[in-house]
N, C-alpha and C. Protein backbone atom coordinates (compact mmCIF):
# COMPACT_ATOMS: atom_id res chain seq x y z
N GLN A 1 3.97 19.00 -19.49
CA GLN A 1 3.26 18.31 -18.31
C GLN A 1 4.22 18.17 -17.19
N VAL A 2 3.66 18.33 -15.97
CA VAL A 2 4.50 18.22 -14.75
C VAL A 2 3.87 17.33 -13.81
N GLN A 3 4.46 16.38 -13.21
CA GLN A 3 3.91 15.57 -12.25
C GLN A 3 4.53 15.86 -10.85
N LEU A 4 3.72 15.97 -9.79
CA LEU A 4 4.21 16.34 -8.54
C LEU A 4 3.75 15.26 -7.50
N VAL A 5 4.74 14.91 -6.62
CA VAL A 5 4.64 13.85 -5.69
C VAL A 5 5.03 14.34 -4.32
N GLU A 6 4.15 14.54 -3.31
CA GLU A 6 4.58 14.98 -2.06
C GLU A 6 4.86 13.79 -1.10
N SER A 7 5.74 14.16 -0.12
CA SER A 7 6.05 13.17 0.99
C SER A 7 6.47 13.90 2.20
N GLY A 8 6.46 13.31 3.42
CA GLY A 8 6.94 13.92 4.54
C GLY A 8 5.89 14.32 5.57
N GLY A 9 4.61 14.09 5.33
CA GLY A 9 3.59 14.50 6.16
C GLY A 9 3.52 13.42 7.38
N GLY A 10 2.70 13.71 8.33
CA GLY A 10 2.64 12.88 9.52
C GLY A 10 1.96 13.58 10.67
N LEU A 11 2.10 12.87 11.82
CA LEU A 11 1.51 13.31 13.07
C LEU A 11 2.68 13.86 13.95
N VAL A 12 2.42 15.10 14.42
CA VAL A 12 3.49 15.69 15.25
C VAL A 12 2.78 16.55 16.39
N GLN A 13 3.37 16.69 17.52
CA GLN A 13 2.93 17.44 18.60
C GLN A 13 3.02 18.95 18.38
N ALA A 14 2.18 19.74 18.98
CA ALA A 14 2.28 21.15 18.86
C ALA A 14 3.64 21.66 19.32
N GLY A 15 4.21 22.59 18.55
CA GLY A 15 5.55 22.98 18.80
C GLY A 15 6.60 22.21 18.02
N GLY A 16 6.27 21.14 17.43
CA GLY A 16 7.19 20.25 16.69
C GLY A 16 7.48 20.78 15.33
N SER A 17 8.25 19.95 14.61
CA SER A 17 8.62 20.33 13.25
C SER A 17 8.45 19.17 12.21
N LEU A 18 8.25 19.55 11.02
CA LEU A 18 8.11 18.52 9.90
C LEU A 18 8.74 19.19 8.68
N ARG A 19 9.24 18.31 7.78
CA ARG A 19 9.67 18.88 6.46
C ARG A 19 8.93 18.05 5.41
N LEU A 20 8.22 18.87 4.60
CA LEU A 20 7.55 18.21 3.36
C LEU A 20 8.51 18.34 2.16
N SER A 21 8.36 17.31 1.34
CA SER A 21 9.08 17.34 0.09
C SER A 21 8.17 17.12 -1.15
N CYS A 22 8.54 17.66 -2.25
CA CYS A 22 7.67 17.53 -3.39
C CYS A 22 8.64 17.19 -4.57
N ALA A 23 8.57 16.06 -5.17
CA ALA A 23 9.34 15.74 -6.30
C ALA A 23 8.64 15.92 -7.61
N ALA A 24 9.27 16.63 -8.49
CA ALA A 24 8.55 16.95 -9.70
C ALA A 24 9.26 16.22 -10.89
N SER A 25 8.45 15.83 -11.84
CA SER A 25 8.99 15.29 -13.02
C SER A 25 8.34 16.00 -14.24
N GLY A 26 9.05 15.98 -15.37
CA GLY A 26 8.49 16.73 -16.50
C GLY A 26 9.57 17.76 -16.96
N ARG A 27 9.29 18.31 -18.02
CA ARG A 27 10.28 19.26 -18.56
C ARG A 27 10.10 20.67 -18.00
N ALA A 28 11.16 21.51 -18.22
CA ALA A 28 11.20 22.90 -17.77
C ALA A 28 10.81 23.19 -16.37
N PHE A 29 11.23 22.30 -15.53
CA PHE A 29 10.94 22.43 -14.07
C PHE A 29 11.40 23.82 -13.55
N ASP A 30 12.58 24.22 -13.99
CA ASP A 30 13.05 25.50 -13.36
C ASP A 30 12.37 26.78 -13.96
N SER A 31 11.39 26.65 -14.86
CA SER A 31 10.63 27.81 -15.28
C SER A 31 9.28 28.03 -14.56
N TYR A 32 9.06 27.13 -13.57
CA TYR A 32 7.84 27.19 -12.79
C TYR A 32 8.00 27.78 -11.44
N VAL A 33 7.02 28.57 -11.05
CA VAL A 33 6.89 28.92 -9.58
C VAL A 33 6.41 27.65 -8.92
N LEU A 34 6.95 27.37 -7.79
CA LEU A 34 6.49 26.21 -7.00
C LEU A 34 5.98 26.65 -5.70
N GLY A 35 5.02 25.93 -5.15
CA GLY A 35 4.47 26.37 -3.89
C GLY A 35 3.73 25.28 -3.23
N TRP A 36 3.23 25.64 -2.02
CA TRP A 36 2.38 24.79 -1.14
C TRP A 36 1.13 25.46 -0.82
N PHE A 37 0.15 24.69 -0.90
CA PHE A 37 -1.25 25.04 -0.42
C PHE A 37 -1.67 24.00 0.68
N ARG A 38 -2.78 24.36 1.37
CA ARG A 38 -3.29 23.39 2.37
C ARG A 38 -4.80 23.52 2.38
N GLN A 39 -5.41 22.48 2.84
CA GLN A 39 -6.89 22.44 3.02
C GLN A 39 -7.29 21.67 4.22
N ALA A 40 -7.83 22.41 5.12
CA ALA A 40 -8.34 21.77 6.36
C ALA A 40 -9.75 21.34 6.25
N PRO A 41 -10.21 20.32 7.00
CA PRO A 41 -11.65 19.86 6.79
C PRO A 41 -12.58 21.06 6.96
N GLY A 42 -13.53 21.10 5.95
CA GLY A 42 -14.58 22.03 5.99
C GLY A 42 -14.19 23.46 5.53
N LYS A 43 -12.87 23.64 5.16
CA LYS A 43 -12.37 24.86 4.75
C LYS A 43 -11.94 24.79 3.26
N GLU A 44 -11.78 26.03 2.71
CA GLU A 44 -11.26 26.10 1.37
C GLU A 44 -9.73 25.97 1.34
N ARG A 45 -9.35 25.47 0.15
CA ARG A 45 -7.85 25.31 0.02
C ARG A 45 -7.21 26.77 0.00
N GLU A 46 -6.09 26.89 0.78
CA GLU A 46 -5.47 28.17 0.89
C GLU A 46 -3.92 28.09 0.55
N PHE A 47 -3.50 29.22 0.10
CA PHE A 47 -2.05 29.33 -0.15
C PHE A 47 -1.24 29.41 1.12
N VAL A 48 -0.04 28.72 1.09
CA VAL A 48 0.86 28.68 2.21
C VAL A 48 2.12 29.45 1.89
N ALA A 49 2.77 28.98 0.83
CA ALA A 49 4.10 29.54 0.45
C ALA A 49 4.39 29.32 -1.03
N GLY A 50 5.19 30.24 -1.57
CA GLY A 50 5.53 30.07 -3.00
C GLY A 50 7.02 30.46 -3.14
N ILE A 51 7.64 29.96 -4.24
CA ILE A 51 9.03 30.27 -4.46
C ILE A 51 9.34 30.40 -5.93
N SER A 52 10.04 31.40 -6.33
CA SER A 52 10.35 31.70 -7.71
C SER A 52 11.20 30.64 -8.38
N TRP A 53 11.40 30.72 -9.66
CA TRP A 53 12.16 29.78 -10.37
C TRP A 53 13.56 29.64 -9.89
N SER A 54 14.11 30.75 -9.52
CA SER A 54 15.55 30.83 -9.12
C SER A 54 15.69 30.40 -7.64
N GLY A 55 14.62 30.50 -6.89
CA GLY A 55 14.69 30.28 -5.45
C GLY A 55 15.08 31.48 -4.65
N TYR A 56 15.30 32.62 -5.32
CA TYR A 56 15.64 33.85 -4.62
C TYR A 56 14.46 34.62 -4.05
N THR A 57 13.25 34.41 -4.60
CA THR A 57 12.12 35.13 -4.18
C THR A 57 11.11 34.14 -3.57
N THR A 58 10.66 34.52 -2.39
CA THR A 58 9.64 33.70 -1.72
C THR A 58 8.54 34.51 -1.15
N TYR A 59 7.36 33.91 -0.90
CA TYR A 59 6.26 34.58 -0.47
C TYR A 59 5.42 33.74 0.42
N TYR A 60 4.93 34.23 1.58
CA TYR A 60 4.29 33.38 2.56
C TYR A 60 2.92 33.96 2.99
N ALA A 61 2.07 33.09 3.31
CA ALA A 61 0.87 33.57 3.94
C ALA A 61 1.18 34.03 5.36
N GLY A 62 0.44 35.07 5.77
CA GLY A 62 0.71 35.64 7.03
C GLY A 62 0.67 34.65 8.23
N SER A 63 -0.21 33.66 8.15
CA SER A 63 -0.40 32.72 9.24
C SER A 63 0.89 31.84 9.42
N VAL A 64 1.78 31.70 8.46
CA VAL A 64 2.90 30.81 8.53
C VAL A 64 4.24 31.56 8.53
N LYS A 65 4.18 32.88 8.18
CA LYS A 65 5.43 33.61 8.10
C LYS A 65 6.20 33.62 9.40
N GLY A 66 7.50 33.32 9.27
CA GLY A 66 8.36 33.28 10.41
C GLY A 66 8.35 31.81 11.07
N ARG A 67 7.53 30.96 10.59
CA ARG A 67 7.55 29.58 11.08
C ARG A 67 7.89 28.54 10.03
N PHE A 68 7.50 28.83 8.79
CA PHE A 68 7.75 27.93 7.69
C PHE A 68 8.78 28.57 6.71
N ILE A 69 9.58 27.67 6.09
CA ILE A 69 10.46 28.09 5.13
C ILE A 69 10.29 27.25 3.86
N ILE A 70 10.18 27.87 2.70
CA ILE A 70 10.15 27.13 1.47
C ILE A 70 11.60 27.22 0.77
N SER A 71 11.89 26.13 0.10
CA SER A 71 13.18 26.11 -0.61
C SER A 71 13.03 25.22 -1.82
N ARG A 72 13.91 25.27 -2.72
CA ARG A 72 13.91 24.34 -3.86
C ARG A 72 15.29 24.04 -4.25
N ASP A 73 15.41 22.92 -4.89
CA ASP A 73 16.75 22.38 -5.47
C ASP A 73 16.39 21.91 -6.86
N ASN A 74 16.73 22.90 -7.82
CA ASN A 74 16.49 22.61 -9.28
C ASN A 74 17.31 21.48 -9.77
N THR A 75 18.40 21.13 -9.16
CA THR A 75 19.26 19.93 -9.65
C THR A 75 18.49 18.68 -9.25
N LYS A 76 17.68 18.63 -8.29
CA LYS A 76 16.96 17.48 -7.90
C LYS A 76 15.44 17.58 -8.22
N ASN A 77 15.03 18.71 -8.82
CA ASN A 77 13.59 18.82 -9.22
C ASN A 77 12.72 18.63 -8.00
N THR A 78 13.07 19.30 -6.88
CA THR A 78 12.35 19.11 -5.63
C THR A 78 12.13 20.51 -4.93
N VAL A 79 11.06 20.59 -4.30
CA VAL A 79 10.68 21.70 -3.49
C VAL A 79 10.37 21.28 -2.08
N TYR A 80 10.76 22.06 -1.14
CA TYR A 80 10.66 21.61 0.33
C TYR A 80 9.81 22.68 1.05
N LEU A 81 9.18 22.24 2.20
CA LEU A 81 8.52 23.19 3.11
C LEU A 81 8.93 22.68 4.49
N GLN A 82 9.91 23.45 5.10
CA GLN A 82 10.32 23.25 6.49
C GLN A 82 9.30 23.95 7.43
N MET A 83 8.60 23.08 8.28
CA MET A 83 7.60 23.75 9.10
C MET A 83 8.04 23.53 10.52
N THR A 84 8.06 24.70 11.29
CA THR A 84 8.52 24.58 12.67
C THR A 84 7.46 25.32 13.58
N SER A 85 7.56 25.19 14.82
CA SER A 85 6.57 25.77 15.74
C SER A 85 5.12 25.41 15.27
N LEU A 86 4.84 24.17 15.02
CA LEU A 86 3.56 23.82 14.45
C LEU A 86 2.54 23.94 15.50
N LYS A 87 1.38 24.33 14.97
CA LYS A 87 0.13 24.58 15.80
C LYS A 87 -0.96 23.65 15.35
N PRO A 88 -1.93 23.32 16.28
CA PRO A 88 -3.02 22.50 15.80
C PRO A 88 -3.78 23.05 14.65
N GLU A 89 -3.76 24.31 14.44
CA GLU A 89 -4.49 24.90 13.27
C GLU A 89 -3.76 24.80 11.97
N ASP A 90 -2.51 24.24 12.10
CA ASP A 90 -1.87 23.96 10.81
C ASP A 90 -2.23 22.57 10.24
N THR A 91 -3.09 21.79 11.05
CA THR A 91 -3.52 20.55 10.56
C THR A 91 -4.33 20.66 9.28
N ALA A 92 -3.92 19.94 8.25
CA ALA A 92 -4.55 19.98 6.93
C ALA A 92 -3.86 19.07 5.98
N VAL A 93 -4.48 18.87 4.83
CA VAL A 93 -3.80 18.14 3.68
C VAL A 93 -3.02 19.20 2.92
N TYR A 94 -1.75 19.00 2.80
CA TYR A 94 -0.79 19.89 2.15
C TYR A 94 -0.43 19.47 0.72
N TYR A 95 -0.74 20.40 -0.24
CA TYR A 95 -0.60 20.17 -1.62
C TYR A 95 0.54 20.94 -2.25
N CYS A 96 1.28 20.27 -3.00
CA CYS A 96 2.36 20.86 -3.80
C CYS A 96 1.75 21.41 -5.08
N ALA A 97 2.20 22.54 -5.55
CA ALA A 97 1.62 23.03 -6.83
C ALA A 97 2.72 23.75 -7.62
N ALA A 98 2.48 23.76 -8.96
CA ALA A 98 3.35 24.46 -9.89
C ALA A 98 2.62 25.33 -10.86
N GLU A 99 3.18 26.46 -11.12
CA GLU A 99 2.53 27.46 -12.00
C GLU A 99 3.58 27.97 -13.00
N ALA A 100 3.25 27.92 -14.23
CA ALA A 100 4.24 28.37 -15.29
C ALA A 100 4.19 29.95 -15.35
N ARG A 101 5.27 30.49 -14.89
CA ARG A 101 5.40 31.91 -14.77
C ARG A 101 6.65 32.48 -15.56
N GLY A 102 7.50 31.56 -16.06
CA GLY A 102 8.73 31.96 -16.65
C GLY A 102 9.78 32.31 -15.70
N MET A 103 10.89 32.71 -16.28
CA MET A 103 12.05 33.04 -15.38
C MET A 103 12.07 34.53 -14.84
N ILE A 104 11.05 34.80 -14.05
CA ILE A 104 10.98 36.13 -13.42
C ILE A 104 10.82 36.07 -11.90
N PRO A 105 11.26 37.02 -11.23
CA PRO A 105 11.41 36.87 -9.77
C PRO A 105 10.05 37.15 -9.03
N ILE A 106 9.19 36.25 -9.27
CA ILE A 106 7.86 36.33 -8.52
C ILE A 106 7.58 34.93 -7.84
N ALA A 107 6.83 35.04 -6.80
CA ALA A 107 6.54 33.79 -6.05
C ALA A 107 5.08 33.56 -5.69
N THR A 108 4.30 34.47 -6.30
CA THR A 108 2.80 34.33 -6.02
C THR A 108 2.25 33.35 -7.03
N MET A 109 1.05 32.66 -6.63
CA MET A 109 0.53 31.65 -7.41
C MET A 109 -0.96 31.85 -7.57
N PRO A 110 -1.33 32.68 -8.40
CA PRO A 110 -2.83 32.95 -8.51
C PRO A 110 -3.66 31.78 -9.21
N ARG A 111 -2.98 31.06 -10.10
CA ARG A 111 -3.64 30.05 -10.84
C ARG A 111 -2.70 28.81 -11.15
N PRO A 112 -2.54 27.99 -10.17
CA PRO A 112 -1.54 26.88 -10.44
C PRO A 112 -2.02 26.00 -11.55
N ASP A 113 -1.03 25.50 -12.30
CA ASP A 113 -1.33 24.67 -13.47
C ASP A 113 -1.29 23.14 -13.05
N TYR A 114 -0.59 22.80 -12.10
CA TYR A 114 -0.43 21.43 -11.68
C TYR A 114 -0.49 21.31 -10.14
N TRP A 115 -1.06 20.18 -9.73
CA TRP A 115 -1.15 19.82 -8.30
C TRP A 115 -0.64 18.42 -7.97
N GLY A 116 -0.13 18.28 -6.75
CA GLY A 116 0.15 16.96 -6.33
C GLY A 116 -1.10 16.34 -5.73
N GLN A 117 -0.92 15.11 -5.18
CA GLN A 117 -2.04 14.39 -4.69
C GLN A 117 -2.33 14.76 -3.14
N GLY A 118 -1.38 15.39 -2.49
CA GLY A 118 -1.55 15.86 -1.17
C GLY A 118 -0.93 14.89 -0.15
N THR A 119 -0.57 15.54 0.91
CA THR A 119 -0.06 14.66 2.12
C THR A 119 -0.57 15.29 3.39
N GLN A 120 -1.04 14.38 4.33
CA GLN A 120 -1.67 14.79 5.57
C GLN A 120 -0.67 15.25 6.61
N VAL A 121 -0.92 16.44 7.19
CA VAL A 121 -0.20 16.91 8.35
C VAL A 121 -1.25 17.12 9.48
N THR A 122 -0.89 16.41 10.61
CA THR A 122 -1.78 16.48 11.74
C THR A 122 -0.91 16.98 12.96
N VAL A 123 -1.38 18.02 13.54
CA VAL A 123 -0.64 18.55 14.72
C VAL A 123 -1.62 18.38 15.97
N SER A 124 -1.09 17.67 16.98
CA SER A 124 -1.88 17.37 18.14
C SER A 124 -1.51 18.45 19.20
N SER A 125 -2.63 18.75 20.00
CA SER A 125 -2.38 19.70 21.13
C SER A 125 -1.87 19.03 22.38
């Protein structure tokens, strides 16, 4: 069992930056792919970024590539999402997710096993 708790959301102006954090508890944290998804009002939840167990492999949605950076610290059981050059279309509830994939260098997340409760990010124009 893995529990995920996000923090760091808020209101920011377009062009600004935010850093989201997700603290995980439970065993075998370092064997999970971790990632971020988001859901805007009236839209389906979409993948944003993922990171492999080691942290060496990452994968991004095209809409955020070059603006967002995902990282993890396995000593702190925490995954981060540094968001820069934010746009109004980035406004959404951001969810942390974990998927058991073992210790292999992949960062995609087709079927997350665990979800956080979400944190709101609002970007004003």
